[in-house]
Amino acid sequence: MKKVIYAGSEFVTGDDIAAALLATCQALADVGEAETVSIPTLNDDGSVGGVLLLIGPASQMLAHHVTTDADEVIDDATVTRLNGIQRRLHPTAAFDVEPTNPSPWDGDL
């Protein structure tokens, strides 16, 4: 798990969530935009809570590993949403280099 420190506060969340959050902060900084995101967190009593963050170009955030007996905080929907923000900000084109249904044409005219 990761302890994330941001804006004078800190919270613990899952490794994948923290990685996606920091990557999203980087993508937002690249384009000078801000976004509000909800992140699931591990509360002190071991229950799962959450924080609402405004992240953007001025976000100064760090995450470091913490050891805990609690189960990893996993939220695939959050990671998917954060990755979606990154893709929106930095779209990439993908194409198939091998045709899926090649033409029967043999090259003779």
PDB file of N, CA and C in Angstrom:
ATOM      1  N   MET A   1       0.847  -1.171   0.000  1.00  0.00           N
ATOM      2  CA  MET A   1       0.000   0.000   0.000  1.00  0.00           C
ATOM      3  C   MET A   1       0.892   1.233   0.000  1.00  0.00           C
ATOM      4  N   LYS A   2       0.286   2.356  -0.337  1.00  0.00           N
ATOM      5  CA  LYS A   2       1.031   3.606  -0.413  1.00  0.00           C
ATOM      6  C   LYS A   2       0.395   4.664   0.484  1.00  0.00           C
ATOM      7  N   LYS A   3       1.253   5.417   1.157  1.00  0.00           N
ATOM      8  CA  LYS A   3       0.807   6.612   1.862  1.00  0.00           C
ATOM      9  C   LYS A   3       1.045   7.778   0.913  1.00  0.00           C
ATOM     10  N   VAL A   4      -0.014   8.499   0.605  1.00  0.00           N
ATOM     11  CA  VAL A   4       0.064   9.641  -0.293  1.00  0.00           C
ATOM     12  C   VAL A   4       0.009  10.907   0.550  1.00  0.00           C
ATOM     13  N   ILE A   5       0.934  11.796   0.288  1.00  0.00           N
ATOM     14  CA  ILE A   5       0.986  13.073   1.004  1.00  0.00           C
ATOM     15  C   ILE A   5       0.675  14.172   0.006  1.00  0.00           C
ATOM     16  N   TYR A   6      -0.345  14.976   0.342  1.00  0.00           N
ATOM     17  CA  TYR A   6      -0.816  16.002  -0.588  1.00  0.00           C
ATOM     18  C   TYR A   6      -1.500  17.126   0.186  1.00  0.00           C
ATOM     19  N   ALA A   7      -1.117  18.333  -0.097  1.00  0.00           N
ATOM     20  CA  ALA A   7      -1.756  19.529   0.470  1.00  0.00           C
ATOM     21  C   ALA A   7      -1.800  19.499   1.995  1.00  0.00           C
ATOM     22  N   GLY A   8      -0.719  19.044   2.619  1.00  0.00           N
ATOM     23  CA  GLY A   8      -0.641  19.038   4.070  1.00  0.00           C
ATOM     24  C   GLY A   8      -1.392  17.900   4.735  1.00  0.00           C
ATOM     25  N   SER A   9      -1.951  17.014   3.970  1.00  0.00           N
ATOM     26  CA  SER A   9      -2.665  15.865   4.513  1.00  0.00           C
ATOM     27  C   SER A   9      -2.037  14.592   3.962  1.00  0.00           C
ATOM     28  N   GLU A  10      -2.422  13.484   4.524  1.00  0.00           N
ATOM     29  CA  GLU A  10      -1.936  12.207   4.022  1.00  0.00           C
ATOM     30  C   GLU A  10      -3.037  11.168   4.135  1.00  0.00           C
ATOM     31  N   PHE A  11      -2.968  10.182   3.259  1.00  0.00           N
ATOM     32  CA  PHE A  11      -3.923   9.082   3.282  1.00  0.00           C
ATOM     33  C   PHE A  11      -3.242   7.846   2.720  1.00  0.00           C
ATOM     34  N   VAL A  12      -3.774   6.684   3.062  1.00  0.00           N
ATOM     35  CA  VAL A  12      -3.241   5.409   2.590  1.00  0.00           C
ATOM     36  C   VAL A  12      -4.231   4.838   1.583  1.00  0.00           C
ATOM     37  N   THR A  13      -3.691   4.370   0.466  1.00  0.00           N
ATOM     38  CA  THR A  13      -4.515   3.746  -0.567  1.00  0.00           C
ATOM     39  C   THR A  13      -3.716   2.628  -1.224  1.00  0.00           C
ATOM     40  N   GLY A  14      -4.343   1.918  -2.125  1.00  0.00           N
ATOM     41  CA  GLY A  14      -3.692   0.797  -2.801  1.00  0.00           C
ATOM     42  C   GLY A  14      -2.605   1.244  -3.767  1.00  0.00           C
ATOM     43  N   ASP A  15      -1.678   0.336  -4.034  1.00  0.00           N
ATOM     44  CA  ASP A  15      -0.557   0.623  -4.932  1.00  0.00           C
ATOM     45  C   ASP A  15      -1.019   1.063  -6.316  1.00  0.00           C
ATOM     46  N   ASP A  16      -1.946   0.310  -6.916  1.00  0.00           N
ATOM     47  CA  ASP A  16      -2.408   0.643  -8.266  1.00  0.00           C
ATOM     48  C   ASP A  16      -3.137   1.978  -8.297  1.00  0.00           C
ATOM     49  N   ILE A  17      -3.903   2.254  -7.264  1.00  0.00           N
ATOM     50  CA  ILE A  17      -4.630   3.520  -7.191  1.00  0.00           C
ATOM     51  C   ILE A  17      -3.647   4.681  -7.076  1.00  0.00           C
ATOM     52  N   ALA A  18      -2.655   4.542  -6.207  1.00  0.00           N
ATOM     53  CA  ALA A  18      -1.654   5.607  -6.034  1.00  0.00           C
ATOM     54  C   ALA A  18      -0.879   5.851  -7.327  1.00  0.00           C
ATOM     55  N   ALA A  19      -0.498   4.778  -8.009  1.00  0.00           N
ATOM     56  CA  ALA A  19       0.244   4.928  -9.261  1.00  0.00           C
ATOM     57  C   ALA A  19      -0.604   5.638 -10.310  1.00  0.00           C
ATOM     58  N   ALA A  20      -1.871   5.253 -10.426  1.00  0.00           N
ATOM     59  CA  ALA A  20      -2.762   5.889 -11.397  1.00  0.00           C
ATOM     60  C   ALA A  20      -3.015   7.349 -11.027  1.00  0.00           C
ATOM     61  N   LEU A  21      -3.125   7.639  -9.739  1.00  0.00           N
ATOM     62  CA  LEU A  21      -3.340   9.011  -9.285  1.00  0.00           C
ATOM     63  C   LEU A  21      -2.157   9.900  -9.652  1.00  0.00           C
ATOM     64  N   LEU A  22      -0.949   9.458  -9.367  1.00  0.00           N
ATOM     65  CA  LEU A  22       0.228  10.260  -9.692  1.00  0.00           C
ATOM     66  C   LEU A  22       0.393  10.428 -11.203  1.00  0.00           C
ATOM     67  N   ALA A  23       0.133   9.392 -11.970  1.00  0.00           N
ATOM     68  CA  ALA A  23       0.223   9.493 -13.425  1.00  0.00           C
ATOM     69  C   ALA A  23      -0.819  10.475 -13.961  1.00  0.00           C
ATOM     70  N   THR A  24      -1.999  10.487 -13.355  1.00  0.00           N
ATOM     71  CA  THR A  24      -3.037  11.427 -13.762  1.00  0.00           C
ATOM     72  C   THR A  24      -2.633  12.855 -13.420  1.00  0.00           C
ATOM     73  N   CYS A  25      -2.017  13.055 -12.258  1.00  0.00           N
ATOM     74  CA  CYS A  25      -1.509  14.388 -11.897  1.00  0.00           C
ATOM     75  C   CYS A  25      -0.499  14.868 -12.934  1.00  0.00           C
ATOM     76  N   GLN A  26       0.378  13.973 -13.368  1.00  0.00           N
ATOM     77  CA  GLN A  26       1.376  14.317 -14.385  1.00  0.00           C
ATOM     78  C   GLN A  26       0.704  14.706 -15.695  1.00  0.00           C
ATOM     79  N   ALA A  27      -0.288  13.927 -16.125  1.00  0.00           N
ATOM     80  CA  ALA A  27      -0.988  14.210 -17.377  1.00  0.00           C
ATOM     81  C   ALA A  27      -1.714  15.556 -17.304  1.00  0.00           C
ATOM     82  N   LEU A  28      -2.345  15.835 -16.173  1.00  0.00           N
ATOM     83  CA  LEU A  28      -3.026  17.123 -16.005  1.00  0.00           C
ATOM     84  C   LEU A  28      -2.035  18.273 -16.026  1.00  0.00           C
ATOM     85  N   ALA A  29      -0.904  18.091 -15.388  1.00  0.00           N
ATOM     86  CA  ALA A  29       0.125  19.134 -15.376  1.00  0.00           C
ATOM     87  C   ALA A  29       0.634  19.404 -16.789  1.00  0.00           C
ATOM     88  N   ASP A  30       0.766  18.354 -17.585  1.00  0.00           N
ATOM     89  CA  ASP A  30       1.259  18.493 -18.956  1.00  0.00           C
ATOM     90  C   ASP A  30       0.383  19.410 -19.800  1.00  0.00           C
ATOM     91  N   VAL A  31      -0.921  19.392 -19.536  1.00  0.00           N
ATOM     92  CA  VAL A  31      -1.849  20.167 -20.364  1.00  0.00           C
ATOM     93  C   VAL A  31      -2.445  21.375 -19.635  1.00  0.00           C
ATOM     94  N   GLY A  32      -2.037  21.590 -18.393  1.00  0.00           N
ATOM     95  CA  GLY A  32      -2.504  22.756 -17.641  1.00  0.00           C
ATOM     96  C   GLY A  32      -3.971  22.700 -17.257  1.00  0.00           C
ATOM     97  N   GLU A  33      -4.478  21.516 -16.960  1.00  0.00           N
ATOM     98  CA  GLU A  33      -5.871  21.352 -16.552  1.00  0.00           C
ATOM     99  C   GLU A  33      -5.950  20.854 -15.111  1.00  0.00           C
ATOM    100  N   ALA A  34      -7.148  20.912 -14.552  1.00  0.00           N
ATOM    101  CA  ALA A  34      -7.399  20.400 -13.203  1.00  0.00           C
ATOM    102  C   ALA A  34      -8.595  19.461 -13.265  1.00  0.00           C
ATOM    103  N   GLU A  35      -8.711  18.620 -12.279  1.00  0.00           N
ATOM    104  CA  GLU A  35      -9.792  17.628 -12.224  1.00  0.00           C
ATOM    105  C   GLU A  35     -10.056  17.301 -10.756  1.00  0.00           C
ATOM    106  N   THR A  36     -11.298  17.030 -10.432  1.00  0.00           N
ATOM    107  CA  THR A  36     -11.654  16.551  -9.105  1.00  0.00           C
ATOM    108  C   THR A  36     -11.833  15.042  -9.191  1.00  0.00           C
ATOM    109  N   VAL A  37     -11.175  14.319  -8.295  1.00  0.00           N
ATOM    110  CA  VAL A  37     -11.245  12.857  -8.307  1.00  0.00           C
ATOM    111  C   VAL A  37     -11.525  12.346  -6.899  1.00  0.00           C
ATOM    112  N   SER A  38     -12.216  11.236  -6.835  1.00  0.00           N
ATOM    113  CA  SER A  38     -12.502  10.561  -5.574  1.00  0.00           C
ATOM    114  C   SER A  38     -11.604   9.332  -5.484  1.00  0.00           C
ATOM    115  N   ILE A  39     -10.934   9.193  -4.350  1.00  0.00           N
ATOM    116  CA  ILE A  39      -9.966   8.115  -4.151  1.00  0.00           C
ATOM    117  C   ILE A  39     -10.355   7.316  -2.897  1.00  0.00           C
ATOM    118  N   PRO A  40     -10.455   5.988  -3.011  1.00  0.00           N
ATOM    119  CA  PRO A  40     -10.717   5.181  -1.817  1.00  0.00           C
ATOM    120  C   PRO A  40      -9.462   5.118  -0.940  1.00  0.00           C
ATOM    121  N   THR A  41      -9.670   5.156   0.351  1.00  0.00           N
ATOM    122  CA  THR A  41      -8.561   5.187   1.305  1.00  0.00           C
ATOM    123  C   THR A  41      -8.775   4.175   2.413  1.00  0.00           C
ATOM    124  N   LEU A  42      -7.695   3.877   3.106  1.00  0.00           N
ATOM    125  CA  LEU A  42      -7.754   3.020   4.282  1.00  0.00           C
ATOM    126  C   LEU A  42      -7.811   3.921   5.510  1.00  0.00           C
ATOM    127  N   ASN A  43      -8.888   3.816   6.282  1.00  0.00           N
ATOM    128  CA  ASN A  43      -9.014   4.594   7.517  1.00  0.00           C
ATOM    129  C   ASN A  43      -8.144   3.987   8.616  1.00  0.00           C
ATOM    130  N   ASP A  44      -7.902   4.753   9.662  1.00  0.00           N
ATOM    131  CA  ASP A  44      -7.082   4.282  10.780  1.00  0.00           C
ATOM    132  C   ASP A  44      -7.644   3.020  11.438  1.00  0.00           C
ATOM    133  N   ASP A  45      -8.967   2.868  11.419  1.00  0.00           N
ATOM    134  CA  ASP A  45      -9.579   1.689  12.044  1.00  0.00           C
ATOM    135  C   ASP A  45      -9.624   0.473  11.118  1.00  0.00           C
ATOM    136  N   GLY A  46      -9.047   0.586   9.914  1.00  0.00           N
ATOM    137  CA  GLY A  46      -9.008  -0.519   8.970  1.00  0.00           C
ATOM    138  C   GLY A  46     -10.149  -0.539   7.982  1.00  0.00           C
ATOM    139  N   SER A  47     -11.131   0.323   8.169  1.00  0.00           N
ATOM    140  CA  SER A  47     -12.242   0.382   7.213  1.00  0.00           C
ATOM    141  C   SER A  47     -11.824   1.195   5.986  1.00  0.00           C
ATOM    142  N   VAL A  48     -12.601   1.062   4.921  1.00  0.00           N
ATOM    143  CA  VAL A  48     -12.319   1.803   3.696  1.00  0.00           C
ATOM    144  C   VAL A  48     -13.157   3.077   3.691  1.00  0.00           C
ATOM    145  N   GLY A  49     -12.489   4.187   3.459  1.00  0.00           N
ATOM    146  CA  GLY A  49     -13.153   5.485   3.357  1.00  0.00           C
ATOM    147  C   GLY A  49     -12.823   6.092   2.015  1.00  0.00           C
ATOM    148  N   GLY A  50     -12.719   7.393   1.980  1.00  0.00           N
ATOM    149  CA  GLY A  50     -12.386   8.037   0.721  1.00  0.00           C
ATOM    150  C   GLY A  50     -12.034   9.496   0.917  1.00  0.00           C
ATOM    151  N   VAL A  51     -11.348  10.028  -0.075  1.00  0.00           N
ATOM    152  CA  VAL A  51     -11.039  11.454  -0.105  1.00  0.00           C
ATOM    153  C   VAL A  51     -11.433  11.986  -1.475  1.00  0.00           C
ATOM    154  N   LEU A  52     -11.778  13.259  -1.515  1.00  0.00           N
ATOM    155  CA  LEU A  52     -12.075  13.956  -2.752  1.00  0.00           C
ATOM    156  C   LEU A  52     -10.955  14.961  -2.957  1.00  0.00           C
ATOM    157  N   LEU A  53     -10.269  14.855  -4.082  1.00  0.00           N
ATOM    158  CA  LEU A  53      -9.085  15.683  -4.331  1.00  0.00           C
ATOM    159  C   LEU A  53      -9.271  16.548  -5.567  1.00  0.00           C
ATOM    160  N   LEU A  54      -8.796  17.753  -5.499  1.00  0.00           N
ATOM    161  CA  LEU A  54      -8.657  18.592  -6.683  1.00  0.00           C
ATOM    162  C   LEU A  54      -7.195  18.503  -7.086  1.00  0.00           C
ATOM    163  N   ILE A  55      -6.936  17.922  -8.258  1.00  0.00           N
ATOM    164  CA  ILE A  55      -5.566  17.772  -8.728  1.00  0.00           C
ATOM    165  C   ILE A  55      -5.404  18.555 -10.016  1.00  0.00           C
ATOM    166  N   GLY A  56      -4.213  19.056 -10.240  1.00  0.00           N
ATOM    167  CA  GLY A  56      -3.961  19.833 -11.448  1.00  0.00           C
ATOM    168  C   GLY A  56      -2.506  20.197 -11.582  1.00  0.00           C
ATOM    169  N   PRO A  57      -2.228  21.259 -12.351  1.00  0.00           N
ATOM    170  CA  PRO A  57      -0.847  21.635 -12.651  1.00  0.00           C
ATOM    171  C   PRO A  57       0.008  21.936 -11.421  1.00  0.00           C
ATOM    172  N   ALA A  58      -0.601  22.433 -10.363  1.00  0.00           N
ATOM    173  CA  ALA A  58       0.175  22.795  -9.170  1.00  0.00           C
ATOM    174  C   ALA A  58       0.234  21.677  -8.137  1.00  0.00           C
ATOM    175  N   SER A  59      -0.304  20.508  -8.464  1.00  0.00           N
ATOM    176  CA  SER A  59      -0.308  19.396  -7.513  1.00  0.00           C
ATOM    177  C   SER A  59       1.111  18.948  -7.208  1.00  0.00           C
ATOM    178  N   GLN A  60       1.454  18.980  -5.945  1.00  0.00           N
ATOM    179  CA  GLN A  60       2.729  18.445  -5.486  1.00  0.00           C
ATOM    180  C   GLN A  60       2.390  17.306  -4.537  1.00  0.00           C
ATOM    181  N   MET A  61       2.595  16.123  -5.031  1.00  0.00           N
ATOM    182  CA  MET A  61       2.144  14.924  -4.331  1.00  0.00           C
ATOM    183  C   MET A  61       3.271  13.910  -4.319  1.00  0.00           C
ATOM    184  N   LEU A  62       3.335  13.144  -3.243  1.00  0.00           N
ATOM    185  CA  LEU A  62       4.277  12.039  -3.212  1.00  0.00           C
ATOM    186  C   LEU A  62       3.598  10.845  -2.576  1.00  0.00           C
ATOM    187  N   ALA A  63       4.119   9.685  -2.912  1.00  0.00           N
ATOM    188  CA  ALA A  63       3.585   8.440  -2.369  1.00  0.00           C
ATOM    189  C   ALA A  63       4.754   7.553  -1.993  1.00  0.00           C
ATOM    190  N   HIS A  64       4.663   6.942  -0.822  1.00  0.00           N
ATOM    191  CA  HIS A  64       5.703   6.001  -0.424  1.00  0.00           C
ATOM    192  C   HIS A  64       5.064   4.766   0.183  1.00  0.00           C
ATOM    193  N   HIS A  65       5.804   3.668   0.114  1.00  0.00           N
ATOM    194  CA  HIS A  65       5.303   2.380   0.586  1.00  0.00           C
ATOM    195  C   HIS A  65       5.105   2.402   2.108  1.00  0.00           C
ATOM    196  N   VAL A  66       4.021   1.809   2.536  1.00  0.00           N
ATOM    197  CA  VAL A  66       3.784   1.590   3.964  1.00  0.00           C
ATOM    198  C   VAL A  66       3.424   0.126   4.165  1.00  0.00           C
ATOM    199  N   THR A  67       3.814  -0.401   5.297  1.00  0.00           N
ATOM    200  CA  THR A  67       3.494  -1.767   5.658  1.00  0.00           C
ATOM    201  C   THR A  67       2.304  -1.745   6.601  1.00  0.00           C
ATOM    202  N   THR A  68       1.327  -2.555   6.303  1.00  0.00           N
ATOM    203  CA  THR A  68       0.132  -2.627   7.127  1.00  0.00           C
ATOM    204  C   THR A  68      -0.409  -4.049   7.085  1.00  0.00           C
ATOM    205  N   ASP A  69      -1.140  -4.419   8.114  1.00  0.00           N
ATOM    206  CA  ASP A  69      -1.774  -5.732   8.150  1.00  0.00           C
ATOM    207  C   ASP A  69      -3.115  -5.736   7.407  1.00  0.00           C
ATOM    208  N   ALA A  70      -3.585  -4.565   7.036  1.00  0.00           N
ATOM    209  CA  ALA A  70      -4.881  -4.449   6.362  1.00  0.00           C
ATOM    210  C   ALA A  70      -4.785  -4.980   4.930  1.00  0.00           C
ATOM    211  N   ASP A  71      -5.931  -5.384   4.405  1.00  0.00           N
ATOM    212  CA  ASP A  71      -6.006  -5.809   3.008  1.00  0.00           C
ATOM    213  C   ASP A  71      -5.737  -4.618   2.092  1.00  0.00           C
ATOM    214  N   GLU A  72      -5.129  -4.897   0.962  1.00  0.00           N
ATOM    215  CA  GLU A  72      -4.857  -3.874  -0.057  1.00  0.00           C
ATOM    216  C   GLU A  72      -6.163  -3.194  -0.470  1.00  0.00           C
ATOM    217  N   VAL A  73      -6.141  -1.881  -0.571  1.00  0.00           N
ATOM    218  CA  VAL A  73      -7.297  -1.147  -1.079  1.00  0.00           C
ATOM    219  C   VAL A  73      -7.278  -1.297  -2.599  1.00  0.00           C
ATOM    220  N   ILE A  74      -8.325  -1.935  -3.121  1.00  0.00           N
ATOM    221  CA  ILE A  74      -8.427  -2.174  -4.562  1.00  0.00           C
ATOM    222  C   ILE A  74      -9.747  -1.593  -5.038  1.00  0.00           C
ATOM    223  N   ASP A  75      -9.680  -0.809  -6.088  1.00  0.00           N
ATOM    224  CA  ASP A  75     -10.885  -0.247  -6.685  1.00  0.00           C
ATOM    225  C   ASP A  75     -10.632  -0.089  -8.179  1.00  0.00           C
ATOM    226  N   ASP A  76     -11.003  -1.107  -8.930  1.00  0.00           N
ATOM    227  CA  ASP A  76     -10.759  -1.102 -10.371  1.00  0.00           C
ATOM    228  C   ASP A  76     -11.451   0.062 -11.070  1.00  0.00           C
ATOM    229  N   ALA A  77     -12.636   0.452 -10.590  1.00  0.00           N
ATOM    230  CA  ALA A  77     -13.364   1.560 -11.217  1.00  0.00           C
ATOM    231  C   ALA A  77     -12.583   2.865 -11.082  1.00  0.00           C
ATOM    232  N   THR A  78     -11.957   3.084  -9.932  1.00  0.00           N
ATOM    233  CA  THR A  78     -11.156   4.293  -9.738  1.00  0.00           C
ATOM    234  C   THR A  78      -9.946   4.291 -10.659  1.00  0.00           C
ATOM    235  N   VAL A  79      -9.251   3.180 -10.731  1.00  0.00           N
ATOM    236  CA  VAL A  79      -8.076   3.085 -11.605  1.00  0.00           C
ATOM    237  C   VAL A  79      -8.494   3.295 -13.063  1.00  0.00           C
ATOM    238  N   THR A  80      -9.613   2.700 -13.463  1.00  0.00           N
ATOM    239  CA  THR A  80     -10.113   2.868 -14.828  1.00  0.00           C
ATOM    240  C   THR A  80     -10.448   4.324 -15.112  1.00  0.00           C
ATOM    241  N   ARG A  81     -11.088   5.004 -14.160  1.00  0.00           N
ATOM    242  CA  ARG A  81     -11.431   6.424 -14.356  1.00  0.00           C
ATOM    243  C   ARG A  81     -10.165   7.266 -14.470  1.00  0.00           C
ATOM    244  N   LEU A  82      -9.190   7.040 -13.603  1.00  0.00           N
ATOM    245  CA  LEU A  82      -7.940   7.807 -13.658  1.00  0.00           C
ATOM    246  C   LEU A  82      -7.200   7.545 -14.969  1.00  0.00           C
ATOM    247  N   ASN A  83      -7.155   6.299 -15.392  1.00  0.00           N
ATOM    248  CA  ASN A  83      -6.516   5.978 -16.671  1.00  0.00           C
ATOM    249  C   ASN A  83      -7.263   6.615 -17.837  1.00  0.00           C
ATOM    250  N   GLY A  84      -8.587   6.706 -17.717  1.00  0.00           N
ATOM    251  CA  GLY A  84      -9.399   7.356 -18.747  1.00  0.00           C
ATOM    252  C   GLY A  84      -9.084   8.840 -18.868  1.00  0.00           C
ATOM    253  N   ILE A  85      -8.864   9.488 -17.746  1.00  0.00           N
ATOM    254  CA  ILE A  85      -8.472  10.907 -17.774  1.00  0.00           C
ATOM    255  C   ILE A  85      -7.142  11.049 -18.502  1.00  0.00           C
ATOM    256  N   GLN A  86      -6.213  10.159 -18.194  1.00  0.00           N
ATOM    257  CA  GLN A  86      -4.905  10.206 -18.861  1.00  0.00           C
ATOM    258  C   GLN A  86      -5.050  10.019 -20.364  1.00  0.00           C
ATOM    259  N   ARG A  87      -5.876   9.054 -20.788  1.00  0.00           N
ATOM    260  CA  ARG A  87      -6.060   8.811 -22.223  1.00  0.00           C
ATOM    261  C   ARG A  87      -6.726  10.005 -22.905  1.00  0.00           C
ATOM    262  N   ARG A  88      -7.658  10.648 -22.217  1.00  0.00           N
ATOM    263  CA  ARG A  88      -8.325  11.826 -22.777  1.00  0.00           C
ATOM    264  C   ARG A  88      -7.324  12.952 -23.004  1.00  0.00           C
ATOM    265  N   LEU A  89      -6.397  13.098 -22.074  1.00  0.00           N
ATOM    266  CA  LEU A  89      -5.423  14.185 -22.156  1.00  0.00           C
ATOM    267  C   LEU A  89      -4.291  13.880 -23.122  1.00  0.00           C
ATOM    268  N   HIS A  90      -3.957  12.618 -23.272  1.00  0.00           N
ATOM    269  CA  HIS A  90      -2.870  12.188 -24.153  1.00  0.00           C
ATOM    270  C   HIS A  90      -3.356  11.041 -25.044  1.00  0.00           C
ATOM    271  N   PRO A  91      -4.261  11.346 -25.987  1.00  0.00           N
ATOM    272  CA  PRO A  91      -4.777  10.265 -26.832  1.00  0.00           C
ATOM    273  C   PRO A  91      -3.685   9.690 -27.730  1.00  0.00           C
ATOM    274  N   THR A  92      -3.784   8.413 -27.967  1.00  0.00           N
ATOM    275  CA  THR A  92      -2.850   7.746 -28.866  1.00  0.00           C
ATOM    276  C   THR A  92      -3.652   6.956 -29.889  1.00  0.00           C
ATOM    277  N   ALA A  93      -3.094   6.849 -31.072  1.00  0.00           N
ATOM    278  CA  ALA A  93      -3.739   6.061 -32.119  1.00  0.00           C
ATOM    279  C   ALA A  93      -3.158   4.656 -32.110  1.00  0.00           C
ATOM    280  N   ALA A  94      -3.996   3.701 -32.317  1.00  0.00           N
ATOM    281  CA  ALA A  94      -3.549   2.315 -32.407  1.00  0.00           C
ATOM    282  C   ALA A  94      -4.080   1.732 -33.705  1.00  0.00           C
ATOM    283  N   PHE A  95      -3.259   0.957 -34.354  1.00  0.00           N
ATOM    284  CA  PHE A  95      -3.716   0.311 -35.571  1.00  0.00           C
ATOM    285  C   PHE A  95      -3.114  -1.080 -35.653  1.00  0.00           C
ATOM    286  N   ASP A  96      -3.810  -1.909 -36.388  1.00  0.00           N
ATOM    287  CA  ASP A  96      -3.405  -3.294 -36.559  1.00  0.00           C
ATOM    288  C   ASP A  96      -2.496  -3.379 -37.777  1.00  0.00           C
ATOM    289  N   VAL A  97      -1.283  -3.869 -37.598  1.00  0.00           N
ATOM    290  CA  VAL A  97      -0.352  -3.953 -38.727  1.00  0.00           C
ATOM    291  C   VAL A  97      -0.587  -5.195 -39.580  1.00  0.00           C
ATOM    292  N   GLU A  98      -1.273  -6.162 -39.056  1.00  0.00           N
ATOM    293  CA  GLU A  98      -1.605  -7.366 -39.810  1.00  0.00           C
ATOM    294  C   GLU A  98      -3.089  -7.329 -40.143  1.00  0.00           C
ATOM    295  N   PRO A  99      -3.440  -7.396 -41.423  1.00  0.00           N
ATOM    296  CA  PRO A  99      -4.867  -7.401 -41.759  1.00  0.00           C
ATOM    297  C   PRO A  99      -5.545  -8.641 -41.186  1.00  0.00           C
ATOM    298  N   THR A 100      -6.737  -8.473 -40.697  1.00  0.00           N
ATOM    299  CA  THR A 100      -7.460  -9.606 -40.114  1.00  0.00           C
ATOM    300  C   THR A 100      -8.099 -10.472 -41.191  1.00  0.00           C
ATOM    301  N   ASN A 101      -8.366  -9.892 -42.356  1.00  0.00           N
ATOM    302  CA  ASN A 101      -8.975 -10.633 -43.447  1.00  0.00           C
ATOM    303  C   ASN A 101      -8.256 -10.239 -44.737  1.00  0.00           C
ATOM    304  N   PRO A 102      -7.098 -10.847 -45.022  1.00  0.00           N
ATOM    305  CA  PRO A 102      -6.321 -10.418 -46.184  1.00  0.00           C
ATOM    306  C   PRO A 102      -7.074 -10.621 -47.498  1.00  0.00           C
ATOM    307  N   SER A 103      -6.822  -9.718 -48.430  1.00  0.00           N
ATOM    308  CA  SER A 103      -7.442  -9.766 -49.740  1.00  0.00           C
ATOM    309  C   SER A 103      -6.917 -10.969 -50.530  1.00  0.00           C
ATOM    310  N   PRO A 104      -7.770 -11.603 -51.340  1.00  0.00           N
ATOM    311  CA  PRO A 104      -7.295 -12.743 -52.157  1.00  0.00           C
ATOM    312  C   PRO A 104      -6.498 -12.281 -53.382  1.00  0.00           C
ATOM    313  N   TRP A 105      -6.351 -10.995 -53.570  1.00  0.00           N
ATOM    314  CA  TRP A 105      -5.637 -10.461 -54.732  1.00  0.00           C
ATOM    315  C   TRP A 105      -4.203 -10.959 -54.748  1.00  0.00           C
ATOM    316  N   ASP A 106      -3.713 -11.434 -55.899  1.00  0.00           N
ATOM    317  CA  ASP A 106      -2.381 -12.009 -55.999  1.00  0.00           C
ATOM    318  C   ASP A 106      -1.352 -11.033 -56.571  1.00  0.00           C
ATOM    319  N   GLY A 107      -1.752  -9.825 -56.898  1.00  0.00           N
ATOM    320  CA  GLY A 107      -0.818  -8.821 -57.394  1.00  0.00           C
ATOM    321  C   GLY A 107      -0.770  -8.707 -58.904  1.00  0.00           C
ATOM    322  N   ASP A 108      -1.383  -9.615 -59.640  1.00  0.00           N
ATOM    323  CA  ASP A 108      -1.405  -9.526 -61.104  1.00  0.00           C
ATOM    324  C   ASP A 108      -2.483  -8.549 -61.541  1.00  0.00           C
ATOM    325  N   LEU A 109      -2.135  -7.734 -62.540  1.00  0.00           N
ATOM    326  CA  LEU A 109      -3.110  -6.795 -63.088  1.00  0.00           C
ATOM    327  C   LEU A 109      -3.753  -7.340 -64.311  1.00  0.00           C
TER     328      LEU A 109
END
